[in-house]
Amino acid sequence: MGRKFFVGGNWKCNGTTEEVKKIVSTLNAAELPSEDVVEVVVSPPFVFLPLVKSSLRADFHVAAQNCWVKKGGAYTGEVSAEMLVNLDIPWVILGHSERRALLGESNEFVGDKVAYALGQGLKVIACIGETLEQREAGSTVDVVAAQTKAIAERISDWTNVVLAYEPVWAIGTGKVATPAQAQEVHFELRKWLQTNVNPQVAASTRIIYGGSVNGGNCKELAAQPDVDGFLVGGASLKPEFIDIIKSAEVKKSA
């Protein structure tokens, strides 16, 4: 298949200048698998993007945590895709469940954002996932398919898209989808892409898992055939993020 393992670190709304420098220093000093084995992207808050971009080792890339749905202008508090391109930031996270839940971002709005960001030359980590109520109702696959469909209807080229499956009930709760649960949803997503987009996109698009990933559970999750990496929250601020990146070796030896 040849899908390169992908590990993203979402720092969310955390950090001071000193704390960010400390995290970068830890990452810079780490002995990690080569770029052939794993692609690593970290996503600090907007205000720290230039600092991290200028001080982080060259084999790591930097992502923004969001961007606006269209060209800049009278949108107070927003950051445009064009600004990220101007700062030479290659990646952006879009549709994170916290933004969907707290700020009411709909599937369609997220789809529009993904399409616009790609159109400006950004690469996108597009987040999808179900709530606990939706899982308990047995509608997990329907929910993530609808979220993916809103993206698929608006884009034709999936080359620069990574899909991040993040069950909302597992984000920051300490609850983790079992490896079997994660694999099941990733398998269904890949099947959906095969049927509704095309087999080549299904085979090549990386589908990563997010939701309380840590140093203790990452290897077992990484061993699942359709889990192509992780989007890591809290643990990406800690030294164990290095262990999570190293779990890419599991895929290499599989």
Protein backbone atom coordinates (compact mmCIF):
# COMPACT_ATOMS: atom_id res chain seq x y z
CA MET A 1 0.00 0.00 0.00
CA GLY A 2 2.87 2.33 0.83
CA ARG A 3 0.98 4.78 3.08
CA LYS A 4 3.61 6.60 5.14
CA PHE A 5 2.83 6.65 8.86
CA PHE A 6 1.69 10.08 10.02
CA VAL A 7 1.83 11.53 13.54
CA GLY A 8 0.33 14.92 14.30
CA GLY A 9 0.60 16.74 17.62
CA ASN A 10 -2.28 19.11 18.37
CA TRP A 11 -1.16 21.44 21.16
CA LYS A 12 -4.61 23.07 21.27
CA CYS A 13 -4.86 26.26 23.36
CA ASN A 14 -1.81 25.59 25.52
CA GLY A 15 1.62 27.00 26.14
CA THR A 16 3.73 30.01 26.96
CA THR A 17 6.83 31.04 25.05
CA GLU A 18 9.02 29.24 27.57
CA GLU A 19 6.89 26.09 27.54
CA VAL A 20 6.88 26.01 23.75
CA LYS A 21 10.66 26.39 23.63
CA LYS A 22 10.97 23.48 26.05
CA ILE A 23 8.74 21.21 23.94
CA VAL A 24 10.67 22.13 20.78
CA SER A 25 13.96 21.46 22.56
CA THR A 26 12.76 17.98 23.61
CA LEU A 27 11.66 17.17 20.07
CA ASN A 28 14.86 18.50 18.52
CA ALA A 29 16.95 16.26 20.78
CA ALA A 30 14.95 13.08 20.15
CA GLU A 31 16.27 10.11 18.21
CA LEU A 32 13.45 9.19 15.88
CA PRO A 33 12.70 7.03 12.84
CA SER A 34 13.64 8.61 9.52
CA GLU A 35 11.33 10.64 7.32
CA ASP A 36 11.00 7.54 5.12
CA VAL A 37 9.21 5.82 8.01
CA VAL A 38 7.12 8.57 9.59
CA GLU A 39 5.85 12.07 8.79
CA VAL A 40 5.57 14.29 11.87
CA VAL A 41 3.55 17.50 12.08
CA VAL A 42 3.05 19.62 15.20
CA SER A 43 0.31 22.17 15.61
CA PRO A 44 0.98 24.97 18.10
CA PRO A 45 -1.43 27.86 18.75
CA PHE A 46 -1.35 30.55 16.04
CA VAL A 47 0.74 32.96 18.10
CA PHE A 48 3.60 30.45 18.33
CA LEU A 49 3.65 29.34 14.68
CA PRO A 50 6.64 31.52 13.65
CA LEU A 51 8.61 30.57 16.77
CA VAL A 52 8.07 26.85 16.25
CA LYS A 53 8.61 27.07 12.50
CA SER A 54 11.98 28.79 12.97
CA SER A 55 13.29 26.61 15.80
CA LEU A 56 11.98 23.10 15.11
CA ARG A 57 14.12 20.51 13.34
CA ALA A 58 13.73 20.37 9.57
CA ASP A 59 12.26 16.84 9.44
CA PHE A 60 9.19 18.01 11.40
CA HIS A 61 6.48 20.13 9.81
CA VAL A 62 4.18 22.69 11.36
CA ALA A 63 0.38 22.98 11.14
CA ALA A 64 -2.12 25.63 12.11
CA GLN A 65 -5.11 24.51 14.15
CA ASN A 66 -7.67 26.21 11.92
CA CYS A 67 -8.12 28.72 9.11
CA TRP A 68 -10.92 30.80 7.67
CA VAL A 69 -13.28 29.52 5.01
CA LYS A 70 -12.45 32.17 2.41
CA LYS A 71 -10.00 34.95 1.57
CA GLY A 72 -9.10 37.35 4.37
CA GLY A 73 -10.99 40.57 4.99
CA ALA A 74 -13.45 41.82 7.59
CA TYR A 75 -13.39 38.63 9.69
CA THR A 76 -12.17 39.73 13.10
CA GLY A 77 -10.26 37.07 14.98
CA GLU A 78 -9.84 34.76 12.00
CA VAL A 79 -6.68 33.70 10.18
CA SER A 80 -6.78 33.08 6.43
CA ALA A 81 -5.25 30.25 4.46
CA GLU A 82 -3.31 32.88 2.52
CA MET A 83 -1.67 34.09 5.75
CA LEU A 84 -0.55 30.56 6.58
CA VAL A 85 0.92 30.16 3.11
CA ASN A 86 2.67 33.51 3.58
CA LEU A 87 4.23 32.20 6.81
CA ASP A 88 5.30 29.04 4.96
CA ILE A 89 3.08 26.85 7.18
CA PRO A 90 2.31 23.76 5.09
CA TRP A 91 -0.48 22.09 7.10
CA VAL A 92 -3.77 23.01 8.77
CA ILE A 93 -6.14 21.02 11.00
CA LEU A 94 -9.79 21.53 10.04
CA GLY A 95 -13.07 20.28 11.47
CA HIS A 96 -11.75 19.30 14.87
CA SER A 97 -14.60 18.03 17.06
CA GLU A 98 -14.00 20.82 19.57
CA ARG A 99 -14.73 23.37 16.87
CA ARG A 100 -17.71 21.40 15.60
CA ALA A 101 -19.15 21.13 19.13
CA LEU A 102 -18.14 24.45 20.72
CA LEU A 103 -18.40 26.70 17.66
CA GLY A 104 -21.12 24.94 15.72
CA GLU A 105 -19.08 24.17 12.60
CA SER A 106 -21.31 22.04 10.36
CA ASN A 107 -20.21 19.26 8.02
CA GLU A 108 -20.81 21.60 5.06
CA PHE A 109 -18.82 24.44 6.61
CA VAL A 110 -15.91 22.10 7.32
CA GLY A 111 -16.11 20.78 3.75
CA ASP A 112 -15.96 24.34 2.42
CA LYS A 113 -12.94 25.08 4.62
CA VAL A 114 -11.11 21.97 3.47
CA ALA A 115 -11.74 22.83 -0.19
CA TYR A 116 -10.61 26.44 0.24
CA ALA A 117 -7.44 25.55 2.16
CA LEU A 118 -6.46 22.94 -0.44
CA GLY A 119 -7.10 25.50 -3.16
CA GLN A 120 -4.57 27.82 -1.54
CA GLY A 121 -1.94 25.08 -1.49
CA LEU A 122 -2.25 23.93 2.12
CA LYS A 123 -2.28 20.30 3.19
CA VAL A 124 -5.21 19.40 5.42
CA ILE A 125 -5.74 17.15 8.43
CA ALA A 126 -9.53 16.80 8.23
CA CYS A 127 -11.16 15.59 11.45
CA ILE A 128 -14.25 13.44 11.70
CA GLY A 129 -15.82 11.46 14.54
CA GLU A 130 -18.95 10.55 16.46
CA THR A 131 -20.22 11.45 19.94
CA LEU A 132 -20.89 8.87 22.65
CA GLU A 133 -24.65 9.17 22.03
CA GLN A 134 -24.15 8.50 18.33
CA ARG A 135 -21.96 5.47 19.03
CA GLU A 136 -24.42 4.05 21.53
CA ALA A 137 -27.20 4.55 18.97
CA GLY A 138 -25.20 2.47 16.49
CA SER A 139 -24.81 5.33 14.02
CA THR A 140 -21.01 5.70 14.07
CA VAL A 141 -20.50 4.70 10.43
CA ASP A 142 -23.39 6.89 9.21
CA VAL A 143 -22.03 9.91 11.10
CA VAL A 144 -18.44 9.63 9.86
CA ALA A 145 -19.64 8.85 6.32
CA ALA A 146 -21.76 12.03 6.30
CA GLN A 147 -18.81 14.07 7.57
CA THR A 148 -16.52 12.57 4.92
CA LYS A 149 -19.16 13.01 2.19
CA ALA A 150 -19.30 16.77 2.87
CA ILE A 151 -15.58 16.91 2.11
CA ALA A 152 -15.70 14.52 -0.86
CA GLU A 153 -18.44 16.58 -2.54
CA ARG A 154 -16.20 19.64 -2.55
CA ILE A 155 -12.78 18.28 -3.53
CA SER A 156 -11.45 16.22 -6.41
CA ASP A 157 -7.83 15.71 -5.36
CA TRP A 158 -7.16 13.83 -2.10
CA THR A 159 -3.37 13.88 -2.40
CA ASN A 160 -2.93 16.49 0.36
CA VAL A 161 -5.64 15.25 2.72
CA VAL A 162 -5.14 13.17 5.85
CA LEU A 163 -8.39 11.98 7.47
CA ALA A 164 -8.29 11.99 11.27
CA TYR A 165 -10.91 9.76 12.90
CA GLU A 166 -11.43 11.07 16.40
CA PRO A 167 -14.29 9.55 18.39
CA VAL A 168 -15.50 12.54 20.41
CA TRP A 169 -16.07 10.37 23.45
CA ALA A 170 -12.36 9.50 23.53
CA ILE A 171 -10.87 13.01 23.25
CA GLY A 172 -9.30 14.16 26.49
CA THR A 173 -11.38 11.68 28.47
CA GLY A 174 -8.77 8.99 28.93
CA LYS A 175 -11.16 6.61 27.14
CA VAL A 176 -9.63 5.11 24.03
CA ALA A 177 -11.27 3.21 21.24
CA THR A 178 -9.93 -0.33 21.42
CA PRO A 179 -7.63 -1.26 18.56
CA ALA A 180 -10.49 -3.35 17.15
CA GLN A 181 -12.95 -0.42 17.38
CA ALA A 182 -10.50 1.94 15.69
CA GLN A 183 -9.70 -0.58 12.96
CA GLU A 184 -13.40 -1.21 12.32
CA VAL A 185 -14.18 2.47 11.71
CA HIS A 186 -11.03 3.03 9.65
CA PHE A 187 -11.91 -0.02 7.54
CA GLU A 188 -15.45 1.30 6.98
CA LEU A 189 -14.09 4.74 6.04
CA ARG A 190 -11.72 3.22 3.53
CA LYS A 191 -14.58 1.15 2.11
CA TRP A 192 -16.70 4.33 1.85
CA LEU A 193 -13.91 6.08 -0.06
CA GLN A 194 -13.57 3.11 -2.39
CA THR A 195 -17.29 3.11 -3.20
CA ASN A 196 -17.93 6.86 -3.25
CA VAL A 197 -14.65 8.38 -4.44
CA ASN A 198 -12.44 5.75 -6.07
CA PRO A 199 -10.26 2.75 -5.16
CA GLN A 200 -7.00 4.66 -5.65
CA VAL A 201 -8.02 7.35 -3.14
CA ALA A 202 -9.18 4.64 -0.73
CA ALA A 203 -5.85 2.85 -0.98
CA SER A 204 -3.62 5.91 -0.70
CA THR A 205 -5.41 8.25 1.76
CA ARG A 206 -4.01 8.07 5.24
CA ILE A 207 -6.62 7.61 7.96
CA ILE A 208 -5.18 8.40 11.38
CA TYR A 209 -6.67 7.87 14.83
CA GLY A 210 -7.06 10.50 17.54
CA GLY A 211 -8.53 10.15 21.00
CA SER A 212 -6.42 9.77 24.14
CA VAL A 213 -3.49 8.18 22.29
CA ASN A 214 -0.50 7.79 24.61
CA GLY A 215 2.81 6.01 24.95
CA GLY A 216 1.11 2.97 26.44
CA ASN A 217 -1.50 2.24 23.77
CA CYS A 218 0.10 3.55 20.57
CA LYS A 219 1.90 0.38 19.46
CA GLU A 220 -1.18 -1.80 19.60
CA LEU A 221 -3.21 0.81 17.72
CA ALA A 222 -0.42 1.30 15.16
CA ALA A 223 -0.44 -2.41 14.38
CA GLN A 224 -3.98 -2.24 12.95
CA PRO A 225 -3.91 -2.51 9.14
CA ASP A 226 -6.05 0.57 8.43
CA VAL A 227 -4.62 2.83 11.17
CA ASP A 228 -2.03 4.99 9.41
CA GLY A 229 -0.95 7.10 12.37
CA PHE A 230 -2.25 9.40 15.06
CA LEU A 231 -3.46 12.88 15.85
CA VAL A 232 -2.31 13.34 19.43
CA GLY A 233 -3.71 15.87 21.90
CA GLY A 234 -2.49 16.11 25.48
CA ALA A 235 0.33 13.61 25.07
CA SER A 236 1.88 15.74 22.31
CA LEU A 237 2.88 18.26 25.00
CA LYS A 238 4.81 15.58 26.91
CA PRO A 239 7.98 13.57 26.27
CA GLU A 240 5.85 10.48 25.54
CA PHE A 241 5.02 12.06 22.18
CA ILE A 242 8.41 10.69 21.13
CA ASP A 243 7.28 7.14 22.00
CA ILE A 244 4.14 7.68 19.92
CA ILE A 245 6.22 8.79 16.93
CA LYS A 246 8.41 5.71 17.38
CA SER A 247 5.34 3.46 17.13
CA ALA A 248 5.71 4.00 13.36
CA GLU A 249 8.36 1.27 13.57
CA VAL A 250 5.53 -1.21 14.21
CA LYS A 251 4.19 -0.48 10.72
CA LYS A 252 7.61 -0.69 9.14
CA SER A 253 8.22 -4.16 10.53
CA ALA A 254 4.68 -5.39 9.83
